[in-house]
Amino acid sequence: MDSRNRFGERRGYHHGSLKDALLDAARSLLVERGPAGFTLAEAAKLVGVTAAAPYRHFSDRNALIGELARRGFEQFGARLARAWDDGRPDPQTALSRMGGEYLAFSRDEPGLYAAMFNTMGSLCGPGPGASADKALETLRNASRRVLRGRGALEGGARELALEIWSMSHGVAMLALAGRLRPGEAESDPGAVLGSGVAALVEMAVRRGGAN
């Protein structure tokens, strides 16, 4: 089977790769229309197969987006882990690098990011949820190391990790919406996130009773 997508590019697949082709189509449609803006049949049409073909792999559109979210969290977690690089050269620097990678992922992979965070239930599904938990564990480990380096109790690492994730997501969404713009004074997303995370770390250190 061979067809052209909406960009005029030739999209081909062989038996066994229909699932990946559908996921690729869904990622494009998410960017163009949002999580609720397309049907499974439209994803099939973009690939060039019948409306019935996707049901070989997905029970419905939500299942398709759920699998895309799972893969997105896996890639997201891997990129955060590489940015952390076991806390080199020091935990605070590595944490800041993770923040930059978070924003880069949301910018580079808007379709995956939409599947991961803009779809109700994506964080609760068994597949996406497990991948999301793994990514959070990387951030929690980083938070633990940062607190340890500041002489604070490590028991607040989970709370700090969730605070950092929440702030990172907010900054990423504002950047994707065009409300924060790289290179602009007082609205550069990297600078906004960096100062916000620094403030969260300071609060966590005070909560943890650093000397």
C-alpha atoms as a PDB file:
ATOM      1  CA  MET A   1       0.000   0.000   0.000  1.00  0.00           C
ATOM      2  CA  ASP A   2       1.346   3.407  -0.946  1.00  0.00           C
ATOM      3  CA  SER A   3      -0.267   6.842  -0.659  1.00  0.00           C
ATOM      4  CA  ARG A   4       0.494  10.509  -0.181  1.00  0.00           C
ATOM      5  CA  ASN A   5      -0.182  12.421   3.005  1.00  0.00           C
ATOM      6  CA  ARG A   6      -1.558  15.959   3.156  1.00  0.00           C
ATOM      7  CA  PHE A   7       1.906  17.407   2.597  1.00  0.00           C
ATOM      8  CA  GLY A   8       2.246  15.549  -0.706  1.00  0.00           C
ATOM      9  CA  GLU A   9       4.848  13.231   0.774  1.00  0.00           C
ATOM     10  CA  ARG A  10       4.654   9.586  -0.178  1.00  0.00           C
ATOM     11  CA  ARG A  11       3.690   7.437   2.786  1.00  0.00           C
ATOM     12  CA  GLY A  12       4.247   3.713   2.422  1.00  0.00           C
ATOM     13  CA  TYR A  13       4.039   0.748   4.708  1.00  0.00           C
ATOM     14  CA  HIS A  14       4.148  -2.986   4.454  1.00  0.00           C
ATOM     15  CA  HIS A  15       2.231  -5.635   6.323  1.00  0.00           C
ATOM     16  CA  GLY A  16       3.064  -5.293  10.004  1.00  0.00           C
ATOM     17  CA  SER A  17       3.827  -1.572  10.029  1.00  0.00           C
ATOM     18  CA  LEU A  18       0.261  -0.258   9.758  1.00  0.00           C
ATOM     19  CA  LYS A  19       0.268   0.386  13.495  1.00  0.00           C
ATOM     20  CA  ASP A  20       3.290   2.677  13.248  1.00  0.00           C
ATOM     21  CA  ALA A  21       1.830   4.444  10.206  1.00  0.00           C
ATOM     22  CA  LEU A  22      -1.384   5.156  12.102  1.00  0.00           C
ATOM     23  CA  LEU A  23       0.556   6.482  15.083  1.00  0.00           C
ATOM     24  CA  ASP A  24       2.509   8.777  12.783  1.00  0.00           C
ATOM     25  CA  ALA A  25      -0.742  10.011  11.237  1.00  0.00           C
ATOM     26  CA  ALA A  26      -2.261  10.612  14.684  1.00  0.00           C
ATOM     27  CA  ARG A  27       0.760  12.618  15.749  1.00  0.00           C
ATOM     28  CA  SER A  28       0.320  14.911  12.722  1.00  0.00           C
ATOM     29  CA  LEU A  29      -3.416  15.254  13.291  1.00  0.00           C
ATOM     30  CA  LEU A  30      -2.928  16.121  16.949  1.00  0.00           C
ATOM     31  CA  VAL A  31      -0.737  19.057  15.990  1.00  0.00           C
ATOM     32  CA  GLU A  32      -3.172  20.211  13.335  1.00  0.00           C
ATOM     33  CA  ARG A  33      -6.505  19.682  15.083  1.00  0.00           C
ATOM     34  CA  GLY A  34      -5.916  18.878  18.752  1.00  0.00           C
ATOM     35  CA  PRO A  35      -6.790  15.732  20.739  1.00  0.00           C
ATOM     36  CA  ALA A  36     -10.521  15.859  20.000  1.00  0.00           C
ATOM     37  CA  GLY A  37     -10.252  17.077  16.434  1.00  0.00           C
ATOM     38  CA  PHE A  38     -10.013  13.881  14.427  1.00  0.00           C
ATOM     39  CA  THR A  39     -11.458  10.396  14.152  1.00  0.00           C
ATOM     40  CA  LEU A  40      -9.872   7.004  13.714  1.00  0.00           C
ATOM     41  CA  ALA A  41     -11.288   6.964  10.195  1.00  0.00           C
ATOM     42  CA  GLU A  42      -9.488  10.214   9.392  1.00  0.00           C
ATOM     43  CA  ALA A  43      -6.204   8.739  10.605  1.00  0.00           C
ATOM     44  CA  ALA A  44      -6.859   5.761   8.338  1.00  0.00           C
ATOM     45  CA  LYS A  45      -7.561   8.054   5.398  1.00  0.00           C
ATOM     46  CA  LEU A  46      -4.317   9.935   5.964  1.00  0.00           C
ATOM     47  CA  VAL A  47      -2.414   6.649   5.850  1.00  0.00           C
ATOM     48  CA  GLY A  48      -4.377   5.461   2.821  1.00  0.00           C
ATOM     49  CA  VAL A  49      -6.285   2.480   4.194  1.00  0.00           C
ATOM     50  CA  THR A  50      -9.948   1.679   4.714  1.00  0.00           C
ATOM     51  CA  ALA A  51     -11.776   2.953   7.793  1.00  0.00           C
ATOM     52  CA  ALA A  52     -11.933  -0.622   9.106  1.00  0.00           C
ATOM     53  CA  ALA A  53      -8.181  -1.274   8.901  1.00  0.00           C
ATOM     54  CA  PRO A  54      -7.146   0.541  12.141  1.00  0.00           C
ATOM     55  CA  TYR A  55      -9.309  -1.799  14.211  1.00  0.00           C
ATOM     56  CA  ARG A  56      -6.732  -4.523  13.652  1.00  0.00           C
ATOM     57  CA  HIS A  57      -4.567  -2.623  16.142  1.00  0.00           C
ATOM     58  CA  PHE A  58      -6.746  -0.150  18.068  1.00  0.00           C
ATOM     59  CA  SER A  59     -10.203  -0.518  19.557  1.00  0.00           C
ATOM     60  CA  ASP A  60     -10.938   3.198  19.123  1.00  0.00           C
ATOM     61  CA  ARG A  61      -9.336   6.633  18.780  1.00  0.00           C
ATOM     62  CA  ASN A  62      -8.584   6.816  22.498  1.00  0.00           C
ATOM     63  CA  ALA A  63      -6.595   3.597  22.280  1.00  0.00           C
ATOM     64  CA  LEU A  64      -4.591   5.055  19.405  1.00  0.00           C
ATOM     65  CA  ILE A  65      -3.826   8.241  21.335  1.00  0.00           C
ATOM     66  CA  GLY A  66      -3.053   6.213  24.472  1.00  0.00           C
ATOM     67  CA  GLU A  67      -0.387   4.235  22.627  1.00  0.00           C
ATOM     68  CA  LEU A  68       1.028   7.468  21.222  1.00  0.00           C
ATOM     69  CA  ALA A  69       1.140   8.882  24.767  1.00  0.00           C
ATOM     70  CA  ARG A  70       2.952   5.779  26.017  1.00  0.00           C
ATOM     71  CA  ARG A  71       5.609   6.097  23.347  1.00  0.00           C
ATOM     72  CA  GLY A  72       5.828   9.811  23.996  1.00  0.00           C
ATOM     73  CA  PHE A  73       6.496   9.326  27.705  1.00  0.00           C
ATOM     74  CA  GLU A  74       9.149   6.737  26.905  1.00  0.00           C
ATOM     75  CA  GLN A  75      10.978   9.176  24.632  1.00  0.00           C
ATOM     76  CA  PHE A  76      10.422  12.009  27.092  1.00  0.00           C
ATOM     77  CA  GLY A  77      11.823   9.979  29.983  1.00  0.00           C
ATOM     78  CA  ALA A  78      14.853   8.915  27.969  1.00  0.00           C
ATOM     79  CA  ARG A  79      15.634  12.510  27.039  1.00  0.00           C
ATOM     80  CA  LEU A  80      15.314  13.654  30.647  1.00  0.00           C
ATOM     81  CA  ALA A  81      17.620  10.828  31.777  1.00  0.00           C
ATOM     82  CA  ARG A  82      20.238  11.798  29.194  1.00  0.00           C
ATOM     83  CA  ALA A  83      20.004  15.436  30.258  1.00  0.00           C
ATOM     84  CA  TRP A  84      20.403  14.449  33.917  1.00  0.00           C
ATOM     85  CA  ASP A  85      23.542  12.441  33.046  1.00  0.00           C
ATOM     86  CA  ASP A  86      23.819  11.083  36.591  1.00  0.00           C
ATOM     87  CA  GLY A  87      24.033  14.600  37.998  1.00  0.00           C
ATOM     88  CA  ARG A  88      27.217  15.648  36.219  1.00  0.00           C
ATOM     89  CA  PRO A  89      29.005  17.987  36.724  1.00  0.00           C
ATOM     90  CA  ASP A  90      26.821  18.774  39.747  1.00  0.00           C
ATOM     91  CA  PRO A  91      23.139  18.133  40.593  1.00  0.00           C
ATOM     92  CA  GLN A  92      21.996  21.758  40.294  1.00  0.00           C
ATOM     93  CA  THR A  93      23.533  22.178  36.837  1.00  0.00           C
ATOM     94  CA  ALA A  94      22.141  18.845  35.686  1.00  0.00           C
ATOM     95  CA  LEU A  95      18.661  19.751  36.966  1.00  0.00           C
ATOM     96  CA  SER A  96      18.788  22.996  35.004  1.00  0.00           C
ATOM     97  CA  ARG A  97      19.790  21.004  31.917  1.00  0.00           C
ATOM     98  CA  MET A  98      16.741  18.778  32.412  1.00  0.00           C
ATOM     99  CA  GLY A  99      14.532  21.867  32.373  1.00  0.00           C
ATOM    100  CA  GLY A 100      15.960  22.896  29.043  1.00  0.00           C
ATOM    101  CA  GLU A 101      15.375  19.398  27.679  1.00  0.00           C
ATOM    102  CA  TYR A 102      11.786  19.444  28.893  1.00  0.00           C
ATOM    103  CA  LEU A 103      11.080  22.594  26.904  1.00  0.00           C
ATOM    104  CA  ALA A 104      12.961  21.244  23.894  1.00  0.00           C
ATOM    105  CA  PHE A 105      10.865  18.071  23.877  1.00  0.00           C
ATOM    106  CA  SER A 106       7.579  19.967  23.997  1.00  0.00           C
ATOM    107  CA  ARG A 107       8.790  22.169  21.142  1.00  0.00           C
ATOM    108  CA  ASP A 108      10.247  19.345  19.042  1.00  0.00           C
ATOM    109  CA  GLU A 109       7.387  16.874  19.547  1.00  0.00           C
ATOM    110  CA  PRO A 110       4.130  18.840  19.823  1.00  0.00           C
ATOM    111  CA  GLY A 111       2.076  15.863  18.643  1.00  0.00           C
ATOM    112  CA  LEU A 112       3.500  13.532  21.266  1.00  0.00           C
ATOM    113  CA  TYR A 113       3.226  16.225  23.918  1.00  0.00           C
ATOM    114  CA  ALA A 114      -0.440  16.743  23.095  1.00  0.00           C
ATOM    115  CA  ALA A 115      -1.112  13.009  23.374  1.00  0.00           C
ATOM    116  CA  MET A 116       0.723  12.875  26.700  1.00  0.00           C
ATOM    117  CA  PHE A 117      -0.824  15.839  28.466  1.00  0.00           C
ATOM    118  CA  ASN A 118      -3.838  17.143  26.570  1.00  0.00           C
ATOM    119  CA  THR A 119      -5.887  13.962  26.554  1.00  0.00           C
ATOM    120  CA  MET A 120      -8.103  13.083  29.502  1.00  0.00           C
ATOM    121  CA  GLY A 121      -6.930   9.901  31.179  1.00  0.00           C
ATOM    122  CA  SER A 122      -3.606   9.596  29.334  1.00  0.00           C
ATOM    123  CA  LEU A 123      -1.650   9.808  32.589  1.00  0.00           C
ATOM    124  CA  CYS A 124      -3.881   7.207  34.228  1.00  0.00           C
ATOM    125  CA  GLY A 125      -3.807   4.484  31.594  1.00  0.00           C
ATOM    126  CA  PRO A 126      -1.652   1.468  32.458  1.00  0.00           C
ATOM    127  CA  GLY A 127       0.735   1.949  29.531  1.00  0.00           C
ATOM    128  CA  PRO A 128       1.155   5.730  29.514  1.00  0.00           C
ATOM    129  CA  GLY A 129       0.890   5.877  33.308  1.00  0.00           C
ATOM    130  CA  ALA A 130       3.804   3.508  33.850  1.00  0.00           C
ATOM    131  CA  SER A 131       5.962   5.422  31.376  1.00  0.00           C
ATOM    132  CA  ALA A 132       4.999   8.719  33.018  1.00  0.00           C
ATOM    133  CA  ASP A 133       5.890   7.327  36.455  1.00  0.00           C
ATOM    134  CA  LYS A 134       9.309   6.311  35.155  1.00  0.00           C
ATOM    135  CA  ALA A 135       9.940   9.830  33.863  1.00  0.00           C
ATOM    136  CA  LEU A 136       8.793  11.272  37.196  1.00  0.00           C
ATOM    137  CA  GLU A 137      11.163   8.930  39.022  1.00  0.00           C
ATOM    138  CA  THR A 138      14.078  10.424  37.069  1.00  0.00           C
ATOM    139  CA  LEU A 139      12.996  13.890  38.166  1.00  0.00           C
ATOM    140  CA  ARG A 140      12.473  12.722  41.744  1.00  0.00           C
ATOM    141  CA  ASN A 141      15.984  11.246  41.820  1.00  0.00           C
ATOM    142  CA  ALA A 142      17.347  14.542  40.545  1.00  0.00           C
ATOM    143  CA  SER A 143      15.396  16.415  43.234  1.00  0.00           C
ATOM    144  CA  ARG A 144      16.731  14.051  45.882  1.00  0.00           C
ATOM    145  CA  ARG A 145      20.308  14.665  44.801  1.00  0.00           C
ATOM    146  CA  VAL A 146      19.814  18.432  44.705  1.00  0.00           C
ATOM    147  CA  LEU A 147      18.363  18.455  48.225  1.00  0.00           C
ATOM    148  CA  ARG A 148      21.133  16.221  49.505  1.00  0.00           C
ATOM    149  CA  GLY A 149      23.716  18.576  48.019  1.00  0.00           C
ATOM    150  CA  ARG A 150      22.100  21.485  49.838  1.00  0.00           C
ATOM    151  CA  GLY A 151      22.083  19.644  53.159  1.00  0.00           C
ATOM    152  CA  ALA A 152      18.287  19.297  53.265  1.00  0.00           C
ATOM    153  CA  LEU A 153      16.216  16.237  54.077  1.00  0.00           C
ATOM    154  CA  GLU A 154      15.557  14.083  51.018  1.00  0.00           C
ATOM    155  CA  GLY A 155      12.011  13.228  52.111  1.00  0.00           C
ATOM    156  CA  GLY A 156      10.670  16.231  50.207  1.00  0.00           C
ATOM    157  CA  ALA A 157      12.055  15.029  46.882  1.00  0.00           C
ATOM    158  CA  ARG A 158       8.725  13.778  45.530  1.00  0.00           C
ATOM    159  CA  GLU A 159       6.969  17.024  46.422  1.00  0.00           C
ATOM    160  CA  LEU A 160       9.728  19.051  44.799  1.00  0.00           C
ATOM    161  CA  ALA A 161       9.677  16.855  41.684  1.00  0.00           C
ATOM    162  CA  LEU A 162       5.925  17.345  41.262  1.00  0.00           C
ATOM    163  CA  GLU A 163       6.286  21.099  41.751  1.00  0.00           C
ATOM    164  CA  ILE A 164       9.040  21.263  39.138  1.00  0.00           C
ATOM    165  CA  TRP A 165       7.023  19.132  36.711  1.00  0.00           C
ATOM    166  CA  SER A 166       3.957  21.325  37.200  1.00  0.00           C
ATOM    167  CA  MET A 167       5.918  24.496  36.583  1.00  0.00           C
ATOM    168  CA  SER A 168       7.718  22.986  33.582  1.00  0.00           C
ATOM    169  CA  HIS A 169       4.422  21.961  32.027  1.00  0.00           C
ATOM    170  CA  GLY A 170       2.941  25.410  32.551  1.00  0.00           C
ATOM    171  CA  VAL A 171       5.912  27.140  30.969  1.00  0.00           C
ATOM    172  CA  ALA A 172       5.923  24.666  28.065  1.00  0.00           C
ATOM    173  CA  MET A 173       2.232  25.236  27.368  1.00  0.00           C
ATOM    174  CA  LEU A 174       2.648  29.026  27.452  1.00  0.00           C
ATOM    175  CA  ALA A 175       5.576  28.728  25.058  1.00  0.00           C
ATOM    176  CA  LEU A 176       3.597  26.494  22.697  1.00  0.00           C
ATOM    177  CA  ALA A 177       0.756  29.040  22.793  1.00  0.00           C
ATOM    178  CA  GLY A 178       3.173  31.824  21.883  1.00  0.00           C
ATOM    179  CA  ARG A 179       2.825  33.642  25.188  1.00  0.00           C
ATOM    180  CA  LEU A 180       6.484  33.071  26.036  1.00  0.00           C
ATOM    181  CA  ARG A 181       9.066  33.610  23.302  1.00  0.00           C
ATOM    182  CA  PRO A 182      12.699  32.486  23.231  1.00  0.00           C
ATOM    183  CA  GLY A 183      15.159  35.358  23.260  1.00  0.00           C
ATOM    184  CA  GLU A 184      12.703  37.999  24.434  1.00  0.00           C
ATOM    185  CA  ALA A 185      13.477  39.866  27.634  1.00  0.00           C
ATOM    186  CA  GLU A 186      11.329  38.747  30.573  1.00  0.00           C
ATOM    187  CA  SER A 187       9.458  36.173  28.467  1.00  0.00           C
ATOM    188  CA  ASP A 188      12.126  33.704  27.428  1.00  0.00           C
ATOM    189  CA  PRO A 189      10.742  30.285  28.470  1.00  0.00           C
ATOM    190  CA  GLY A 190      14.132  28.938  29.491  1.00  0.00           C
ATOM    191  CA  ALA A 191      14.805  31.926  31.731  1.00  0.00           C
ATOM    192  CA  VAL A 192      11.301  31.841  33.219  1.00  0.00           C
ATOM    193  CA  LEU A 193      11.591  28.134  33.979  1.00  0.00           C
ATOM    194  CA  GLY A 194      15.110  28.461  35.343  1.00  0.00           C
ATOM    195  CA  SER A 195      14.195  31.175  37.827  1.00  0.00           C
ATOM    196  CA  GLY A 196      11.003  29.355  38.802  1.00  0.00           C
ATOM    197  CA  VAL A 197      12.772  26.073  39.474  1.00  0.00           C
ATOM    198  CA  ALA A 198      15.466  27.873  41.471  1.00  0.00           C
ATOM    199  CA  ALA A 199      12.755  29.380  43.679  1.00  0.00           C
ATOM    200  CA  LEU A 200      11.106  25.990  44.155  1.00  0.00           C
ATOM    201  CA  VAL A 201      14.429  24.459  45.168  1.00  0.00           C
ATOM    202  CA  GLU A 202      15.021  27.212  47.717  1.00  0.00           C
ATOM    203  CA  MET A 203      11.582  26.645  49.238  1.00  0.00           C
ATOM    204  CA  ALA A 204      12.186  22.896  49.354  1.00  0.00           C
ATOM    205  CA  VAL A 205      15.529  23.434  51.073  1.00  0.00           C
ATOM    206  CA  ARG A 206      13.871  25.583  53.730  1.00  0.00           C
ATOM    207  CA  ARG A 207      11.159  22.961  54.219  1.00  0.00           C
ATOM    208  CA  GLY A 208      13.851  20.313  54.531  1.00  0.00           C
ATOM    209  CA  GLY A 209      15.667  22.132  57.280  1.00  0.00           C
ATOM    210  CA  ALA A 210      19.024  22.720  55.605  1.00  0.00           C
ATOM    211  CA  ASN A 211      21.779  23.970  57.858  1.00  0.00           C
END
